[in-house]
Structure formats: structure tokens, C-alpha cells
PDB file of N, CA and C in Angstrom:
ATOM      1  N   MET A   1       0.897  -1.045   0.409  1.00  0.00           N
ATOM      2  CA  MET A   1       0.239  -0.046  -0.048  1.00  0.00           C
ATOM      3  C   MET A   1       1.056   1.170  -0.109  1.00  0.00           C
ATOM      4  N   PRO A   2       0.694   1.856  -0.999  1.00  0.00           N
ATOM      5  CA  PRO A   2       1.701   3.401  -0.995  1.00  0.00           C
ATOM      6  C   PRO A   2       1.127   4.354  -0.019  1.00  0.00           C
ATOM      7  N   LYS A   3       2.164   4.807   0.452  1.00  0.00           N
ATOM      8  CA  LYS A   3       1.802   5.978   1.510  1.00  0.00           C
ATOM      9  C   LYS A   3       1.300   7.139   0.885  1.00  0.00           C
ATOM     10  N   LYS A   4       0.667   7.732   1.303  1.00  0.00           N
ATOM     11  CA  LYS A   4      -0.301   9.096   1.082  1.00  0.00           C
ATOM     12  C   LYS A   4       0.668  10.349   1.317  1.00  0.00           C
ATOM     13  N   VAL A   5       0.831  10.998   0.078  1.00  0.00           N
ATOM     14  CA  VAL A   5       1.639  12.248   0.009  1.00  0.00           C
ATOM     15  C   VAL A   5       0.950  13.319   0.553  1.00  0.00           C
ATOM     16  N   ILE A   6       1.669  14.102   1.786  1.00  0.00           N
ATOM     17  CA  ILE A   6       1.046  15.153   1.981  1.00  0.00           C
ATOM     18  C   ILE A   6       1.820  16.418   1.363  1.00  0.00           C
ATOM     19  N   PRO A   7       1.217  17.443   0.865  1.00  0.00           N
ATOM     20  CA  PRO A   7       1.595  18.514  -0.009  1.00  0.00           C
ATOM     21  C   PRO A   7       2.797  19.297   1.168  1.00  0.00           C
ATOM     22  N   LEU A   8       3.441  19.827   0.317  1.00  0.00           N
ATOM     23  CA  LEU A   8       4.308  20.774   1.143  1.00  0.00           C
ATOM     24  C   LEU A   8       3.479  21.846   1.548  1.00  0.00           C
ATOM     25  N   PHE A   9       2.793  22.528   0.769  1.00  0.00           N
ATOM     26  CA  PHE A   9       2.148  23.979   1.102  1.00  0.00           C
ATOM     27  C   PHE A   9       0.693  23.566   0.868  1.00  0.00           C
ATOM     28  N   THR A  10      -0.236  23.985   1.732  1.00  0.00           N
ATOM     29  CA  THR A  10      -1.463  24.098   1.807  1.00  0.00           C
ATOM     30  C   THR A  10      -1.923  25.301   1.247  1.00  0.00           C
ATOM     31  N   GLY A  11      -3.263  25.351   1.457  1.00  0.00           N
ATOM     32  CA  GLY A  11      -4.100  26.687   1.131  1.00  0.00           C
ATOM     33  C   GLY A  11      -4.002  27.468   1.839  1.00  0.00           C
ATOM     34  N   ARG A  12      -3.740  27.047   3.066  1.00  0.00           N
ATOM     35  CA  ARG A  12      -3.446  28.108   4.181  1.00  0.00           C
ATOM     36  C   ARG A  12      -2.250  28.702   4.082  1.00  0.00           C
ATOM     37  N   ASN A  13      -1.323  28.047   3.977  1.00  0.00           N
ATOM     38  CA  ASN A  13      -0.059  28.716   3.400  1.00  0.00           C
ATOM     39  C   ASN A  13      -0.093  29.511   2.187  1.00  0.00           C
ATOM     40  N   TYR A  14      -0.970  29.525   1.246  1.00  0.00           N
ATOM     41  CA  TYR A  14      -0.791  30.297   0.060  1.00  0.00           C
ATOM     42  C   TYR A  14      -1.729  31.482   0.604  1.00  0.00           C
ATOM     43  N   SER A  15      -2.630  31.548   1.341  1.00  0.00           N
ATOM     44  CA  SER A  15      -3.321  32.668   1.592  1.00  0.00           C
ATOM     45  C   SER A  15      -2.649  33.362   2.394  1.00  0.00           C
ATOM     46  N   LEU A  16      -1.842  32.729   3.301  1.00  0.00           N
ATOM     47  CA  LEU A  16      -0.826  33.726   4.210  1.00  0.00           C
ATOM     48  C   LEU A  16       0.350  34.303   3.070  1.00  0.00           C
ATOM     49  N   PHE A  17       0.594  33.632   2.158  1.00  0.00           N
ATOM     50  CA  PHE A  17       1.695  34.213   1.059  1.00  0.00           C
ATOM     51  C   PHE A  17       1.199  35.430   0.712  1.00  0.00           C
ATOM     52  N   SER A  18      -0.125  35.447  -0.148  1.00  0.00           N
ATOM     53  CA  SER A  18      -0.579  36.346  -0.562  1.00  0.00           C
ATOM     54  C   SER A  18      -1.036  37.673   0.440  1.00  0.00           C
ATOM     55  N   VAL A  19      -1.247  37.324   1.570  1.00  0.00           N
ATOM     56  CA  VAL A  19      -1.517  38.460   2.519  1.00  0.00           C
ATOM     57  C   VAL A  19       0.030  39.130   2.726  1.00  0.00           C
ATOM     58  N   SER A  20       0.775  38.409   2.962  1.00  0.00           N
ATOM     59  CA  SER A  20       2.255  39.059   3.389  1.00  0.00           C
ATOM     60  C   SER A  20       2.605  39.599   2.113  1.00  0.00           C
ATOM     61  N   VAL A  21       2.501  39.245   0.672  1.00  0.00           N
ATOM     62  CA  VAL A  21       2.920  39.950  -0.353  1.00  0.00           C
ATOM     63  C   VAL A  21       2.306  41.213  -0.337  1.00  0.00           C
ATOM     64  N   GLY A  22       0.475  41.054   0.173  1.00  0.00           N
ATOM     65  CA  GLY A  22      -0.194  42.682  -0.132  1.00  0.00           C
ATOM     66  C   GLY A  22       0.534  43.456   0.984  1.00  0.00           C
ATOM     67  N   LEU A  23       1.029  42.832   2.099  1.00  0.00           N
ATOM     68  CA  LEU A  23       1.576  43.913   3.201  1.00  0.00           C
ATOM     69  C   LEU A  23       2.900  44.460   2.671  1.00  0.00           C
ATOM     70  N   LEU A  24       3.724  43.642   1.636  1.00  0.00           N
ATOM     71  CA  LEU A  24       4.689  44.491   1.355  1.00  0.00           C
ATOM     72  C   LEU A  24       4.619  45.241   0.325  1.00  0.00           C
ATOM     73  N   VAL A  25       3.555  44.979  -0.518  1.00  0.00           N
ATOM     74  CA  VAL A  25       3.341  46.105  -1.617  1.00  0.00           C
ATOM     75  C   VAL A  25       2.772  47.261  -0.964  1.00  0.00           C
ATOM     76  N   LEU A  26       1.980  47.266   0.388  1.00  0.00           N
ATOM     77  CA  LEU A  26       1.513  48.328   1.024  1.00  0.00           C
ATOM     78  C   LEU A  26       2.582  49.094   1.335  1.00  0.00           C
ATOM     79  N   GLY A  27       3.538  48.448   1.907  1.00  0.00           N
ATOM     80  CA  GLY A  27       4.600  49.152   2.697  1.00  0.00           C
ATOM     81  C   GLY A  27       5.660  49.965   1.755  1.00  0.00           C
ATOM     82  N   PHE A  28       5.766  49.231   0.735  1.00  0.00           N
ATOM     83  CA  PHE A  28       6.760  49.939  -0.194  1.00  0.00           C
ATOM     84  C   PHE A  28       5.780  51.275  -0.729  1.00  0.00           C
ATOM     85  N   VAL A  29       4.452  50.928  -0.791  1.00  0.00           N
ATOM     86  CA  VAL A  29       3.528  52.200  -1.275  1.00  0.00           C
ATOM     87  C   VAL A  29       3.745  53.116  -0.567  1.00  0.00           C
ATOM     88  N   LEU A  30       3.567  52.801   0.993  1.00  0.00           N
ATOM     89  CA  LEU A  30       3.739  53.739   2.171  1.00  0.00           C
ATOM     90  C   LEU A  30       4.923  54.678   2.015  1.00  0.00           C
ATOM     91  N   MET A  31       6.108  53.998   1.920  1.00  0.00           N
ATOM     92  CA  MET A  31       7.272  54.510   1.872  1.00  0.00           C
ATOM     93  C   MET A  31       7.405  55.674   0.512  1.00  0.00           C
ATOM     94  N   ASN A  32       6.757  55.319  -0.642  1.00  0.00           N
ATOM     95  CA  ASN A  32       6.957  56.211  -1.658  1.00  0.00           C
ATOM     96  C   ASN A  32       6.396  57.360  -1.277  1.00  0.00           C
ATOM     97  N   GLY A  33       6.660  58.289  -2.457  1.00  0.00           N
ATOM     98  CA  GLY A  33       6.265  59.904  -1.856  1.00  0.00           C
ATOM     99  C   GLY A  33       6.238  60.602  -3.091  1.00  0.00           C
ATOM    100  N   ASN A  34       5.905  61.934  -2.631  1.00  0.00           N
ATOM    101  CA  ASN A  34       5.618  62.996  -4.023  1.00  0.00           C
ATOM    102  C   ASN A  34       7.272  63.476  -4.118  1.00  0.00           C
ATOM    103  N   THR A  35       7.618  63.112  -5.132  1.00  0.00           N
ATOM    104  CA  THR A  35       8.831  63.406  -5.527  1.00  0.00           C
ATOM    105  C   THR A  35       8.910  64.498  -6.894  1.00  0.00           C
ATOM    106  N   ASN A  36       9.444  65.639  -6.717  1.00  0.00           N
ATOM    107  CA  ASN A  36       9.786  66.395  -7.928  1.00  0.00           C
ATOM    108  C   ASN A  36      11.042  66.642  -8.368  1.00  0.00           C
ATOM    109  N   ALA A  37      11.358  65.844  -9.557  1.00  0.00           N
ATOM    110  CA  ALA A  37      12.609  66.069  -9.945  1.00  0.00           C
ATOM    111  C   ALA A  37      13.372  67.179 -10.413  1.00  0.00           C
ATOM    112  N   GLY A  38      12.496  68.011 -10.482  1.00  0.00           N
ATOM    113  CA  GLY A  38      12.874  69.578 -11.071  1.00  0.00           C
ATOM    114  C   GLY A  38      12.999  70.603  -9.783  1.00  0.00           C
ATOM    115  N   ASN A  39      12.408  70.117  -8.834  1.00  0.00           N
ATOM    116  CA  ASN A  39      12.403  70.856  -7.557  1.00  0.00           C
ATOM    117  C   ASN A  39      13.623  70.764  -6.867  1.00  0.00           C
ATOM    118  N   SER A  40      14.346  71.949  -6.849  1.00  0.00           N
ATOM    119  CA  SER A  40      15.774  72.025  -5.915  1.00  0.00           C
ATOM    120  C   SER A  40      15.655  72.031  -4.329  1.00  0.00           C
ATOM    121  N   GLN A  41      14.226  72.176  -4.056  1.00  0.00           N
ATOM    122  CA  GLN A  41      14.075  72.555  -2.567  1.00  0.00           C
ATOM    123  C   GLN A  41      13.645  71.382  -1.690  1.00  0.00           C
ATOM    124  N   PHE A  42      14.637  71.796  -0.420  1.00  0.00           N
ATOM    125  CA  PHE A  42      14.417  70.302   0.261  1.00  0.00           C
ATOM    126  C   PHE A  42      12.779  70.391   0.790  1.00  0.00           C
ATOM    127  N   GLN A  43      12.338  69.006   1.018  1.00  0.00           N
ATOM    128  CA  GLN A  43      11.106  68.774   1.624  1.00  0.00           C
ATOM    129  C   GLN A  43      11.132  68.179   2.748  1.00  0.00           C
ATOM    130  N   MET A  44      10.546  68.711   3.687  1.00  0.00           N
ATOM    131  CA  MET A  44      10.538  68.130   5.027  1.00  0.00           C
ATOM    132  C   MET A  44       9.731  66.839   5.113  1.00  0.00           C
ATOM    133  N   ASP A  45       8.613  66.510   4.117  1.00  0.00           N
ATOM    134  CA  ASP A  45       7.744  65.256   4.069  1.00  0.00           C
ATOM    135  C   ASP A  45       8.629  63.892   3.950  1.00  0.00           C
ATOM    136  N   ILE A  46      10.267  63.898   3.725  1.00  0.00           N
ATOM    137  CA  ILE A  46      10.394  62.683   3.942  1.00  0.00           C
ATOM    138  C   ILE A  46      10.714  62.378   5.257  1.00  0.00           C
ATOM    139  N   TYR A  47      10.745  63.087   6.115  1.00  0.00           N
ATOM    140  CA  TYR A  47      10.696  62.913   7.662  1.00  0.00           C
ATOM    141  C   TYR A  47       9.415  62.353   8.277  1.00  0.00           C
ATOM    142  N   SER A  48       8.538  62.289   7.754  1.00  0.00           N
ATOM    143  CA  SER A  48       7.042  62.193   7.778  1.00  0.00           C
ATOM    144  C   SER A  48       7.142  61.007   8.955  1.00  0.00           C
ATOM    145  N   PHE A  49       5.845  60.644   9.314  1.00  0.00           N
ATOM    146  CA  PHE A  49       5.478  59.057  10.476  1.00  0.00           C
ATOM    147  C   PHE A  49       5.373  58.132   9.472  1.00  0.00           C
ATOM    148  N   ARG A  50       4.821  58.600   8.538  1.00  0.00           N
ATOM    149  CA  ARG A  50       4.459  57.241   7.293  1.00  0.00           C
ATOM    150  C   ARG A  50       5.515  56.899   6.778  1.00  0.00           C
ATOM    151  N   ARG A  51       6.498  57.641   6.571  1.00  0.00           N
ATOM    152  CA  ARG A  51       7.644  56.909   5.908  1.00  0.00           C
ATOM    153  C   ARG A  51       8.746  56.625   6.699  1.00  0.00           C
ATOM    154  N   ILE A  52       9.140  57.263   7.643  1.00  0.00           N
ATOM    155  CA  ILE A  52       9.989  56.747   8.718  1.00  0.00           C
ATOM    156  C   ILE A  52       9.398  55.816   9.562  1.00  0.00           C
ATOM    157  N   THR A  53       8.304  55.599  10.197  1.00  0.00           N
ATOM    158  CA  THR A  53       7.839  54.633  11.033  1.00  0.00           C
ATOM    159  C   THR A  53       7.023  53.608  10.666  1.00  0.00           C
ATOM    160  N   LEU A  54       5.970  53.987   9.751  1.00  0.00           N
ATOM    161  CA  LEU A  54       4.939  53.119   9.772  1.00  0.00           C
ATOM    162  C   LEU A  54       5.340  52.277   8.420  1.00  0.00           C
ATOM    163  N   ALA A  55       5.803  52.708   7.329  1.00  0.00           N
ATOM    164  CA  ALA A  55       6.388  51.841   6.432  1.00  0.00           C
ATOM    165  C   ALA A  55       7.206  50.840   6.907  1.00  0.00           C
ATOM    166  N   PRO A  56       8.187  50.903   7.435  1.00  0.00           N
ATOM    167  CA  PRO A  56       9.270  49.848   7.682  1.00  0.00           C
ATOM    168  C   PRO A  56       8.505  48.710   8.506  1.00  0.00           C
ATOM    169  N   PHE A  57       7.597  49.312   9.558  1.00  0.00           N
ATOM    170  CA  PHE A  57       6.774  48.547  10.201  1.00  0.00           C
ATOM    171  C   PHE A  57       5.991  47.544   9.325  1.00  0.00           C
ATOM    172  N   VAL A  58       5.193  48.067   8.650  1.00  0.00           N
ATOM    173  CA  VAL A  58       4.545  47.042   7.626  1.00  0.00           C
ATOM    174  C   VAL A  58       5.296  46.211   6.978  1.00  0.00           C
ATOM    175  N   LEU A  59       6.248  46.725   6.282  1.00  0.00           N
ATOM    176  CA  LEU A  59       7.206  45.882   5.606  1.00  0.00           C
ATOM    177  C   LEU A  59       7.835  44.880   6.737  1.00  0.00           C
ATOM    178  N   LEU A  60       8.589  45.019   7.720  1.00  0.00           N
ATOM    179  CA  LEU A  60       9.024  43.998   8.381  1.00  0.00           C
ATOM    180  C   LEU A  60       7.782  42.884   8.966  1.00  0.00           C
ATOM    181  N   SER A  61       6.339  43.414   9.142  1.00  0.00           N
ATOM    182  CA  SER A  61       5.329  42.469   9.580  1.00  0.00           C
ATOM    183  C   SER A  61       5.124  41.584   8.230  1.00  0.00           C
ATOM    184  N   GLY A  62       5.231  41.952   7.016  1.00  0.00           N
ATOM    185  CA  GLY A  62       5.010  41.352   5.971  1.00  0.00           C
ATOM    186  C   GLY A  62       6.159  40.140   5.728  1.00  0.00           C
ATOM    187  N   TYR A  63       7.353  40.543   5.669  1.00  0.00           N
ATOM    188  CA  TYR A  63       8.327  39.657   5.792  1.00  0.00           C
ATOM    189  C   TYR A  63       8.295  38.740   7.062  1.00  0.00           C
ATOM    190  N   ALA A  64       8.038  38.838   8.207  1.00  0.00           N
ATOM    191  CA  ALA A  64       7.599  37.966   9.119  1.00  0.00           C
ATOM    192  C   ALA A  64       6.575  37.130   8.971  1.00  0.00           C
ATOM    193  N   LEU A  65       5.441  37.655   8.476  1.00  0.00           N
ATOM    194  CA  LEU A  65       4.384  36.708   7.722  1.00  0.00           C
ATOM    195  C   LEU A  65       4.586  35.542   6.748  1.00  0.00           C
ATOM    196  N   MET A  66       5.682  36.289   6.084  1.00  0.00           N
ATOM    197  CA  MET A  66       6.112  35.442   4.990  1.00  0.00           C
ATOM    198  C   MET A  66       7.018  34.213   5.707  1.00  0.00           C
ATOM    199  N   ILE A  67       7.938  34.516   6.418  1.00  0.00           N
ATOM    200  CA  ILE A  67       8.769  33.403   6.875  1.00  0.00           C
ATOM    201  C   ILE A  67       7.815  32.564   7.701  1.00  0.00           C
ATOM    202  N   TYR A  68       6.950  33.002   8.211  1.00  0.00           N
ATOM    203  CA  TYR A  68       5.810  31.826   9.045  1.00  0.00           C
ATOM    204  C   TYR A  68       5.201  31.227   8.099  1.00  0.00           C
ATOM    205  N   ALA A  69       4.700  31.739   6.910  1.00  0.00           N
ATOM    206  CA  ALA A  69       3.622  30.970   5.980  1.00  0.00           C
ATOM    207  C   ALA A  69       4.821  29.737   5.405  1.00  0.00           C
ATOM    208  N   ILE A  70       6.187  30.146   5.223  1.00  0.00           N
ATOM    209  CA  ILE A  70       7.040  29.311   4.790  1.00  0.00           C
ATOM    210  C   ILE A  70       7.252  27.918   5.665  1.00  0.00           C
ATOM    211  N   MET A  71       7.613  28.681   6.923  1.00  0.00           N
ATOM    212  CA  MET A  71       8.065  27.383   8.127  1.00  0.00           C
ATOM    213  C   MET A  71       6.902  26.793   8.478  1.00  0.00           C
ATOM    214  N   SER A  72       5.227  27.239   8.545  1.00  0.00           N
ATOM    215  CA  SER A  72       4.431  26.609   9.280  1.00  0.00           C
ATOM    216  C   SER A  72       4.183  25.086   8.277  1.00  0.00           C
ATOM    217  N   ILE A  73       3.843  24.142   9.574  1.00  0.00           N
ATOM    218  CA  ILE A  73       3.883  22.800   9.022  1.00  0.00           C
ATOM    219  C   ILE A  73       2.126  22.594   8.735  1.00  0.00           C
ATOM    220  N   PRO A  74       1.907  21.792   7.933  1.00  0.00           N
ATOM    221  CA  PRO A  74       0.507  21.650   7.614  1.00  0.00           C
ATOM    222  C   PRO A  74      -0.016  20.598   8.682  1.00  0.00           C
ATOM    223  N   GLN A  75      -1.204  20.910   9.205  1.00  0.00           N
ATOM    224  CA  GLN A  75      -1.737  20.189   9.990  1.00  0.00           C
ATOM    225  C   GLN A  75      -1.973  18.965   9.900  1.00  0.00           C
ATOM    226  N   LYS A  76      -1.784  18.014  10.985  1.00  0.00           N
ATOM    227  CA  LYS A  76      -2.664  16.152  10.276  1.00  0.00           C
ATOM    228  C   LYS A  76      -3.756  16.340  10.813  1.00  0.00           C
ATOM    229  N   ARG A  77      -4.379  15.436   9.633  1.00  0.00           N
ATOM    230  CA  ARG A  77      -5.660  15.275   9.990  1.00  0.00           C
ATOM    231  C   ARG A  77      -5.713  14.169  10.858  1.00  0.00           C
ATOM    232  N   ASN A  78      -6.847  13.759  11.668  1.00  0.00           N
ATOM    233  CA  ASN A  78      -7.059  12.784  12.380  1.00  0.00           C
ATOM    234  C   ASN A  78      -8.084  11.787  11.547  1.00  0.00           C
ATOM    235  N   VAL A  79      -6.959  10.620  11.615  1.00  0.00           N
ATOM    236  CA  VAL A  79      -7.196   9.537  10.727  1.00  0.00           C
ATOM    237  C   VAL A  79      -7.463   8.240  11.606  1.00  0.00           C
ATOM    238  N   THR A  80      -8.811   7.689  11.374  1.00  0.00           N
ATOM    239  CA  THR A  80      -9.062   6.618  12.538  1.00  0.00           C
ATOM    240  C   THR A  80      -8.695   5.549  11.672  1.00  0.00           C
ATOM    241  N   LYS A  81      -8.163   4.582  12.103  1.00  0.00           N
ATOM    242  CA  LYS A  81      -7.782   3.389  11.700  1.00  0.00           C
ATOM    243  C   LYS A  81      -8.805   2.000  12.011  1.00  0.00           C
ATOM    244  N   ASN A  82      -9.181   1.495  11.393  1.00  0.00           N
ATOM    245  CA  ASN A  82      -9.966   0.166  11.653  1.00  0.00           C
ATOM    246  C   ASN A  82      -9.293  -0.971  12.217  1.00  0.00           C
ATOM    247  N   VAL A  83      -9.491  -1.349  13.607  1.00  0.00           N
ATOM    248  CA  VAL A  83      -8.585  -2.293  14.113  1.00  0.00           C
ATOM    249  C   VAL A  83      -9.640  -3.401  13.805  1.00  0.00           C
ATOM    250  N   GLY A  84      -8.765  -4.633  13.266  1.00  0.00           N
ATOM    251  CA  GLY A  84      -9.825  -5.697  12.979  1.00  0.00           C
ATOM    252  C   GLY A  84      -9.147  -6.758  12.581  1.00  0.00           C
TER     253      GLY A  84
END
């Protein structure tokens, strides 16, 4: 009787992947800002809370969730064996 092969990644893993990729995209969008190439004046917007604190926190949480999604082991299902 051949052994049943358990897939390496399950649907839960793939949903965690997609959420973490969404967090990474959101973090990079938050880090992006209004830039004018022709403007030679210094803009204080580069030091805003969104760019300095919020965006790196969102990025780190996205990377942490990606690591968790890769490292989490699929749950074993309860299989009842017929003794007889």
C-alpha cells in the first residue's frame, strides 16, 4: 500500500503568502512619496511618520508573515484506523 503524500504547502500557506505579499506592496507604497525631479528645494515630507515609522513596520510584518507562511507545517488530519 503506497503512502499518502502530504503536500508541502496547503491552501492556508498560500493565503498567508498572498496576505504577506499584499503587506509588502502596501509598505513600499507607503514609503513612496511625492517627488519632483525639477524641484531643488528640500522637502520635510521625507521625515514624516508614514515614511520613517509606519512603512518599515508594515514591511517587517510582511516579511515576518512570509517567513511564518513558509515555515508552518500543515496540520495532520485525524485518521481513524479500523482495527480488526
